[in-house]
Amino acid sequence: MFDILKKFETKYAPLQKKGMRVNGFTIIDVRKKTHAIKISRPFIFDNRQVPKRYEGVQVKSQIQGELPPEFEIDRSNPDWAKQNYIWAPERFEKFVDRCGDEIKIKLENPKMNRKEMLDALCFGDFEEHKLKSEKLIKEGKIPAYKTK
């Protein structure tokens, strides 16, 4: 198992220069004894460069550092998750529209268009995330996005 982690670290070493850290393994299902490779990364990071699975092992990503204002939620209410979906597609769109130039600089890609920036920030595929979010809203599993 640890050789998989070593191979992952070696293969994705260039991403560590861009802020990604490999934090080791984490257990994601105790009963099934399922593990995942745990990484952390900055918010502005090209998630398309990290696989969802590596050699049969799921890769779990966590953001390190603060989130931009578009993603700030008042968590003082115990039911905050029932009222706000932090990863609402609209939040990504607002952030990209406000900070497009900064994103291009940090991702070292001055020719990125809006769609590419959304895909890079939003788990690799913005349209897929948007469709999944709309489905979950219809099913009542996550709240619809509300503007302040």
C-alpha atoms as a PDB file:
ATOM      1  CA  MET A   1       0.000   0.000   0.000  1.00  0.00           C
ATOM      2  CA  PHE A   2       2.789   2.405   0.879  1.00  0.00           C
ATOM      3  CA  ASP A   3       4.478   1.793  -2.466  1.00  0.00           C
ATOM      4  CA  ILE A   4       1.321   3.198  -4.105  1.00  0.00           C
ATOM      5  CA  LEU A   5       1.703   6.319  -1.974  1.00  0.00           C
ATOM      6  CA  LYS A   6       5.403   6.645  -2.895  1.00  0.00           C
ATOM      7  CA  LYS A   7       4.594   6.268  -6.615  1.00  0.00           C
ATOM      8  CA  PHE A   8       1.839   8.895  -6.285  1.00  0.00           C
ATOM      9  CA  GLU A   9       4.221  11.311  -4.550  1.00  0.00           C
ATOM     10  CA  THR A  10       6.840  10.797  -7.245  1.00  0.00           C
ATOM     11  CA  LYS A  11       4.443  11.109 -10.175  1.00  0.00           C
ATOM     12  CA  TYR A  12       2.767  14.266  -8.834  1.00  0.00           C
ATOM     13  CA  ALA A  13       5.891  15.882  -7.346  1.00  0.00           C
ATOM     14  CA  PRO A  14       5.639  18.879  -9.740  1.00  0.00           C
ATOM     15  CA  LEU A  15       2.234  19.727  -8.215  1.00  0.00           C
ATOM     16  CA  GLN A  16       3.852  20.004  -4.807  1.00  0.00           C
ATOM     17  CA  LYS A  17       5.666  23.081  -6.118  1.00  0.00           C
ATOM     18  CA  LYS A  18       2.200  24.527  -6.826  1.00  0.00           C
ATOM     19  CA  GLY A  19       1.029  24.012  -3.257  1.00  0.00           C
ATOM     20  CA  MET A  20      -0.267  20.430  -3.165  1.00  0.00           C
ATOM     21  CA  ARG A  21       0.793  18.313  -0.190  1.00  0.00           C
ATOM     22  CA  VAL A  22       0.462  14.556   0.101  1.00  0.00           C
ATOM     23  CA  ASN A  23      -0.702  13.852   3.647  1.00  0.00           C
ATOM     24  CA  GLY A  24      -0.651  10.056   3.534  1.00  0.00           C
ATOM     25  CA  PHE A  25      -3.558   7.640   3.753  1.00  0.00           C
ATOM     26  CA  THR A  26      -6.916   8.134   5.412  1.00  0.00           C
ATOM     27  CA  ILE A  27      -9.628   5.574   6.143  1.00  0.00           C
ATOM     28  CA  ILE A  28     -12.863   6.413   4.347  1.00  0.00           C
ATOM     29  CA  ASP A  29     -14.860   3.311   5.321  1.00  0.00           C
ATOM     30  CA  VAL A  30     -13.930   1.486   8.510  1.00  0.00           C
ATOM     31  CA  ARG A  31     -16.211  -1.517   7.891  1.00  0.00           C
ATOM     32  CA  LYS A  32     -14.949  -2.095   4.358  1.00  0.00           C
ATOM     33  CA  LYS A  33     -11.398  -1.108   5.356  1.00  0.00           C
ATOM     34  CA  THR A  34     -11.279   1.322   2.423  1.00  0.00           C
ATOM     35  CA  HIS A  35      -8.411   3.792   2.287  1.00  0.00           C
ATOM     36  CA  ALA A  36      -7.787   6.927   0.253  1.00  0.00           C
ATOM     37  CA  ILE A  37      -4.750   9.026  -0.516  1.00  0.00           C
ATOM     38  CA  LYS A  38      -5.246  12.310   1.300  1.00  0.00           C
ATOM     39  CA  ILE A  39      -3.919  15.522  -0.233  1.00  0.00           C
ATOM     40  CA  SER A  40      -4.267  19.177   0.635  1.00  0.00           C
ATOM     41  CA  ARG A  41      -4.015  22.075  -1.764  1.00  0.00           C
ATOM     42  CA  PRO A  42      -4.679  25.805  -2.005  1.00  0.00           C
ATOM     43  CA  PHE A  43      -8.110  26.979  -3.178  1.00  0.00           C
ATOM     44  CA  ILE A  44      -6.681  28.320  -6.433  1.00  0.00           C
ATOM     45  CA  PHE A  45      -5.310  25.081  -7.842  1.00  0.00           C
ATOM     46  CA  ASP A  46      -5.833  23.190 -11.097  1.00  0.00           C
ATOM     47  CA  ASN A  47      -7.757  20.157  -9.881  1.00  0.00           C
ATOM     48  CA  ARG A  48      -7.780  18.699 -13.389  1.00  0.00           C
ATOM     49  CA  GLN A  49      -4.166  17.660 -12.816  1.00  0.00           C
ATOM     50  CA  VAL A  50      -5.005  15.364  -9.881  1.00  0.00           C
ATOM     51  CA  PRO A  51      -6.751  12.041 -10.542  1.00  0.00           C
ATOM     52  CA  LYS A  52      -9.870  11.006  -8.638  1.00  0.00           C
ATOM     53  CA  ARG A  53      -8.310   7.533  -8.293  1.00  0.00           C
ATOM     54  CA  TYR A  54      -4.709   6.343  -8.447  1.00  0.00           C
ATOM     55  CA  GLU A  55      -3.934   2.651  -8.939  1.00  0.00           C
ATOM     56  CA  GLY A  56      -7.374   1.741  -7.605  1.00  0.00           C
ATOM     57  CA  VAL A  57      -7.154   4.024  -4.553  1.00  0.00           C
ATOM     58  CA  GLN A  58      -9.450   7.033  -4.216  1.00  0.00           C
ATOM     59  CA  VAL A  59      -7.763  10.448  -3.880  1.00  0.00           C
ATOM     60  CA  LYS A  60      -9.379  12.784  -1.327  1.00  0.00           C
ATOM     61  CA  SER A  61      -8.583  16.482  -1.549  1.00  0.00           C
ATOM     62  CA  GLN A  62      -8.823  19.106   1.168  1.00  0.00           C
ATOM     63  CA  ILE A  63      -8.347  22.854   0.809  1.00  0.00           C
ATOM     64  CA  GLN A  64      -5.678  24.452   2.968  1.00  0.00           C
ATOM     65  CA  GLY A  65      -5.901  28.107   3.858  1.00  0.00           C
ATOM     66  CA  GLU A  66      -8.791  30.506   3.741  1.00  0.00           C
ATOM     67  CA  LEU A  67     -11.631  30.536   1.271  1.00  0.00           C
ATOM     68  CA  PRO A  68     -12.501  33.600  -0.802  1.00  0.00           C
ATOM     69  CA  PRO A  69     -15.436  35.812   0.286  1.00  0.00           C
ATOM     70  CA  GLU A  70     -17.780  34.094  -2.191  1.00  0.00           C
ATOM     71  CA  PHE A  71     -17.442  30.901  -0.130  1.00  0.00           C
ATOM     72  CA  GLU A  72     -17.707  32.393   3.346  1.00  0.00           C
ATOM     73  CA  ILE A  73     -20.667  31.073   5.305  1.00  0.00           C
ATOM     74  CA  ASP A  74     -21.865  31.958   8.795  1.00  0.00           C
ATOM     75  CA  ARG A  75     -21.355  28.675  10.617  1.00  0.00           C
ATOM     76  CA  SER A  76     -22.584  29.951  13.990  1.00  0.00           C
ATOM     77  CA  ASN A  77     -26.059  28.534  13.276  1.00  0.00           C
ATOM     78  CA  PRO A  78     -26.054  24.779  13.979  1.00  0.00           C
ATOM     79  CA  ASP A  79     -28.154  24.202  10.825  1.00  0.00           C
ATOM     80  CA  TRP A  80     -25.891  26.210   8.505  1.00  0.00           C
ATOM     81  CA  ALA A  81     -25.433  23.232   6.141  1.00  0.00           C
ATOM     82  CA  LYS A  82     -29.211  23.003   5.627  1.00  0.00           C
ATOM     83  CA  GLN A  83     -29.352  26.657   4.604  1.00  0.00           C
ATOM     84  CA  ASN A  84     -26.168  27.065   2.527  1.00  0.00           C
ATOM     85  CA  TYR A  85     -24.287  24.819   0.156  1.00  0.00           C
ATOM     86  CA  ILE A  86     -20.695  25.991   0.316  1.00  0.00           C
ATOM     87  CA  TRP A  87     -19.759  24.478  -3.068  1.00  0.00           C
ATOM     88  CA  ALA A  88     -22.712  25.962  -4.977  1.00  0.00           C
ATOM     89  CA  PRO A  89     -21.792  26.412  -8.668  1.00  0.00           C
ATOM     90  CA  GLU A  90     -22.846  30.066  -8.474  1.00  0.00           C
ATOM     91  CA  ARG A  91     -20.103  30.710  -5.904  1.00  0.00           C
ATOM     92  CA  PHE A  92     -17.449  29.408  -8.311  1.00  0.00           C
ATOM     93  CA  GLU A  93     -18.867  31.542 -11.124  1.00  0.00           C
ATOM     94  CA  LYS A  94     -18.839  34.701  -9.001  1.00  0.00           C
ATOM     95  CA  PHE A  95     -15.273  34.038  -7.864  1.00  0.00           C
ATOM     96  CA  VAL A  96     -13.998  33.398 -11.408  1.00  0.00           C
ATOM     97  CA  ASP A  97     -15.762  36.520 -12.686  1.00  0.00           C
ATOM     98  CA  ARG A  98     -14.218  38.633  -9.913  1.00  0.00           C
ATOM     99  CA  CYS A  99     -10.716  37.135  -9.867  1.00  0.00           C
ATOM    100  CA  GLY A 100     -10.072  35.799 -13.371  1.00  0.00           C
ATOM    101  CA  ASP A 101      -6.789  37.670 -13.799  1.00  0.00           C
ATOM    102  CA  GLU A 102      -5.472  36.476 -10.423  1.00  0.00           C
ATOM    103  CA  ILE A 103      -6.454  32.870 -11.234  1.00  0.00           C
ATOM    104  CA  LYS A 104      -4.606  32.990 -14.562  1.00  0.00           C
ATOM    105  CA  ILE A 105      -1.474  34.277 -12.811  1.00  0.00           C
ATOM    106  CA  LYS A 106      -1.567  31.730  -9.979  1.00  0.00           C
ATOM    107  CA  LEU A 107      -2.218  28.840 -12.360  1.00  0.00           C
ATOM    108  CA  GLU A 108       0.494  30.162 -14.709  1.00  0.00           C
ATOM    109  CA  ASN A 109      -1.837  30.052 -17.692  1.00  0.00           C
ATOM    110  CA  PRO A 110      -2.581  33.550 -19.078  1.00  0.00           C
ATOM    111  CA  LYS A 111      -4.695  32.153 -21.937  1.00  0.00           C
ATOM    112  CA  MET A 112      -7.254  30.360 -19.736  1.00  0.00           C
ATOM    113  CA  ASN A 113     -10.865  31.096 -20.571  1.00  0.00           C
ATOM    114  CA  ARG A 114     -13.744  31.211 -18.094  1.00  0.00           C
ATOM    115  CA  LYS A 115     -14.742  27.570 -18.648  1.00  0.00           C
ATOM    116  CA  GLU A 116     -11.172  26.342 -18.096  1.00  0.00           C
ATOM    117  CA  MET A 117     -10.889  28.358 -14.878  1.00  0.00           C
ATOM    118  CA  LEU A 118     -14.195  26.953 -13.607  1.00  0.00           C
ATOM    119  CA  ASP A 119     -13.121  23.399 -14.440  1.00  0.00           C
ATOM    120  CA  ALA A 120      -9.736  23.897 -12.776  1.00  0.00           C
ATOM    121  CA  LEU A 121     -11.212  25.213  -9.522  1.00  0.00           C
ATOM    122  CA  CYS A 122     -14.370  23.110  -9.412  1.00  0.00           C
ATOM    123  CA  PHE A 123     -13.215  19.544  -8.879  1.00  0.00           C
ATOM    124  CA  GLY A 124     -12.120  19.144 -12.524  1.00  0.00           C
ATOM    125  CA  ASP A 125     -15.449  19.468 -14.363  1.00  0.00           C
ATOM    126  CA  PHE A 126     -17.678  22.447 -13.642  1.00  0.00           C
ATOM    127  CA  GLU A 127     -20.621  21.344 -15.813  1.00  0.00           C
ATOM    128  CA  GLU A 128     -20.672  17.922 -14.155  1.00  0.00           C
ATOM    129  CA  HIS A 129     -20.640  19.581 -10.717  1.00  0.00           C
ATOM    130  CA  LYS A 130     -23.418  21.969 -11.754  1.00  0.00           C
ATOM    131  CA  LEU A 131     -25.647  19.143 -13.042  1.00  0.00           C
ATOM    132  CA  LYS A 132     -25.006  17.074  -9.915  1.00  0.00           C
ATOM    133  CA  SER A 133     -25.825  20.083  -7.711  1.00  0.00           C
ATOM    134  CA  GLU A 134     -29.077  20.768  -9.595  1.00  0.00           C
ATOM    135  CA  LYS A 135     -30.077  17.116  -9.157  1.00  0.00           C
ATOM    136  CA  LEU A 136     -29.325  17.217  -5.411  1.00  0.00           C
ATOM    137  CA  ILE A 137     -31.341  20.442  -5.044  1.00  0.00           C
ATOM    138  CA  LYS A 138     -34.357  18.826  -6.777  1.00  0.00           C
ATOM    139  CA  GLU A 139     -34.019  15.817  -4.460  1.00  0.00           C
ATOM    140  CA  GLY A 140     -33.927  18.151  -1.445  1.00  0.00           C
ATOM    141  CA  LYS A 141     -30.485  16.960  -0.372  1.00  0.00           C
ATOM    142  CA  ILE A 142     -28.784  20.365  -0.592  1.00  0.00           C
ATOM    143  CA  PRO A 143     -30.247  23.883  -0.417  1.00  0.00           C
ATOM    144  CA  ALA A 144     -30.523  26.104  -3.473  1.00  0.00           C
ATOM    145  CA  TYR A 145     -28.085  28.987  -3.651  1.00  0.00           C
ATOM    146  CA  LYS A 146     -29.340  32.252  -2.138  1.00  0.00           C
ATOM    147  CA  THR A 147     -27.750  35.627  -2.764  1.00  0.00           C
ATOM    148  CA  LYS A 148     -27.103  37.802   0.251  1.00  0.00           C
END
